[in-house]
């Protein structure tokens, strides 16, 4: 008797699902799914464009440093994020810190400059 009741219960459940009488809770309309996947895709492309813009800004700052022969940019690193620039590294003279900061501020697209440079004199001086 139990086996017959179980079979009837399963059969009724299958029939209800096939007839559309039971809608799974996780079901979404195709509009919702395509909107969600579109938002994820645009978010990924925005992040990629942002990283590219940051790299371009870094290269522009290095190019600006290269125009000044008195600056050794080999011991300087530049990080850019949405126009905010952080400069790390060492210089041989304290006056270079101001000069480097000014050069970076003069590059188009730079909104702020944080300088974390230190003075390190060459050995023997």
Protein backbone atom coordinates (compact mmCIF):
# COMPACT_ATOMS: atom_id res chain seq x y z
CA UNK A 1 0.00 0.00 0.00
CA UNK A 2 2.83 2.45 0.83
CA UNK A 3 4.52 1.78 -2.51
CA UNK A 4 1.35 2.62 -4.44
CA UNK A 5 0.87 5.87 -2.49
CA UNK A 6 4.48 6.88 -3.12
CA UNK A 7 4.23 6.18 -6.85
CA UNK A 8 1.01 8.20 -7.07
CA UNK A 9 2.61 11.13 -5.20
CA UNK A 10 5.63 11.19 -7.51
CA UNK A 11 3.43 10.87 -10.58
CA UNK A 12 1.27 13.78 -9.42
CA UNK A 13 4.35 15.92 -8.78
CA UNK A 14 5.80 15.18 -12.21
CA UNK A 15 2.47 15.93 -13.88
CA UNK A 16 2.16 19.25 -12.01
CA UNK A 17 5.67 20.33 -13.01
CA UNK A 18 5.13 19.34 -16.65
CA UNK A 19 1.82 21.19 -16.78
CA UNK A 20 3.45 24.35 -15.45
CA UNK A 21 1.55 24.34 -12.19
CA UNK A 22 4.76 24.45 -10.12
CA UNK A 23 7.32 27.15 -10.84
CA UNK A 24 10.77 26.64 -9.35
CA UNK A 25 11.82 29.41 -6.97
CA UNK A 26 15.10 29.97 -8.82
CA UNK A 27 13.43 30.66 -12.14
CA UNK A 28 14.19 34.02 -13.76
CA UNK A 29 12.82 35.63 -16.84
CA UNK A 30 15.17 35.86 -19.79
CA UNK A 31 15.15 39.67 -19.47
CA UNK A 32 16.56 39.46 -15.95
CA UNK A 33 19.23 36.97 -16.99
CA UNK A 34 20.36 38.99 -20.01
CA UNK A 35 20.40 42.24 -18.00
CA UNK A 36 22.50 40.61 -15.29
CA UNK A 37 24.96 39.13 -17.77
CA UNK A 38 25.15 42.46 -19.62
CA UNK A 39 25.94 44.30 -16.39
CA UNK A 40 28.68 41.80 -15.56
CA UNK A 41 30.17 42.14 -19.03
CA UNK A 42 30.14 45.94 -18.92
CA UNK A 43 31.65 45.88 -15.42
CA UNK A 44 34.48 43.70 -16.70
CA UNK A 45 35.10 45.95 -19.71
CA UNK A 46 35.01 49.05 -17.46
CA UNK A 47 37.62 47.51 -15.16
CA UNK A 48 39.77 46.63 -18.14
CA UNK A 49 39.50 50.16 -19.54
CA UNK A 50 40.36 51.58 -16.11
CA UNK A 51 43.50 49.43 -15.84
CA UNK A 52 44.52 50.47 -19.35
CA UNK A 53 44.02 54.17 -18.50
CA UNK A 54 46.11 53.73 -15.33
CA UNK A 55 48.95 52.15 -17.33
CA UNK A 56 48.83 54.92 -19.94
CA UNK A 57 49.02 57.57 -17.21
CA UNK A 58 52.00 55.79 -15.62
CA UNK A 59 53.81 55.73 -18.97
CA UNK A 60 53.10 59.43 -19.53
CA UNK A 61 54.60 60.26 -16.14
CA UNK A 62 57.73 58.18 -16.86
CA UNK A 63 58.02 59.94 -20.23
CA UNK A 64 57.79 63.32 -18.47
CA UNK A 65 60.58 62.24 -16.07
CA UNK A 66 62.74 61.15 -19.02
CA UNK A 67 62.65 64.69 -20.43
CA UNK A 68 64.63 65.83 -17.38
CA UNK A 69 68.15 64.40 -17.54
CA UNK A 70 68.90 65.37 -13.95
CA UNK A 71 66.34 62.85 -12.72
CA UNK A 72 67.31 59.19 -12.45
CA UNK A 73 63.91 57.52 -12.83
CA UNK A 74 65.47 54.04 -12.61
CA UNK A 75 64.98 54.00 -8.85
CA UNK A 76 61.48 55.49 -8.95
CA UNK A 77 58.19 53.63 -9.32
CA UNK A 78 54.89 55.19 -10.29
CA UNK A 79 51.44 53.81 -9.49
CA UNK A 80 48.31 55.44 -10.88
CA UNK A 81 44.69 54.77 -10.00
CA UNK A 82 41.94 56.95 -11.44
CA UNK A 83 44.25 59.96 -11.64
CA UNK A 84 45.70 59.55 -8.15
CA UNK A 85 49.44 58.98 -8.47
CA UNK A 86 51.81 57.51 -5.89
CA UNK A 87 55.55 57.84 -6.43
CA UNK A 88 57.91 55.54 -4.51
CA UNK A 89 61.66 55.12 -4.54
CA UNK A 90 64.89 56.92 -3.83
CA UNK A 91 66.61 60.02 -5.17
CA UNK A 92 70.16 61.26 -4.68
CA UNK A 93 69.23 64.83 -3.74
CA UNK A 94 66.36 66.25 -1.68
CA UNK A 95 65.67 68.93 -4.30
CA UNK A 96 64.68 66.21 -6.75
CA UNK A 97 61.68 65.28 -4.62
CA UNK A 98 60.00 68.64 -5.30
CA UNK A 99 60.96 68.53 -8.95
CA UNK A 100 59.58 65.01 -9.44
CA UNK A 101 56.35 65.88 -7.66
CA UNK A 102 55.91 68.98 -9.82
CA UNK A 103 56.59 67.08 -13.03
CA UNK A 104 54.02 64.44 -12.13
CA UNK A 105 51.41 67.10 -11.25
CA UNK A 106 51.97 68.66 -14.69
CA UNK A 107 50.91 65.52 -16.57
CA UNK A 108 47.38 65.65 -17.99
CA UNK A 109 45.01 63.36 -16.12
CA UNK A 110 46.78 63.54 -12.76
CA UNK A 111 44.40 64.59 -9.99
CA UNK A 112 46.68 64.11 -6.97
CA UNK A 113 50.25 63.10 -6.21
CA UNK A 114 51.47 61.25 -3.14
CA UNK A 115 55.25 61.22 -2.90
CA UNK A 116 56.97 58.52 -0.88
CA UNK A 117 60.50 59.27 -2.00
CA UNK A 118 63.54 59.16 0.23
CA UNK A 119 67.03 60.57 -0.23
CA UNK A 120 69.78 58.00 -0.57
CA UNK A 121 73.21 59.29 -1.39
CA UNK A 122 75.47 57.17 -3.57
CA UNK A 123 78.16 55.20 -1.72
CA UNK A 124 81.25 57.26 -0.94
CA UNK A 125 79.49 60.62 -0.79
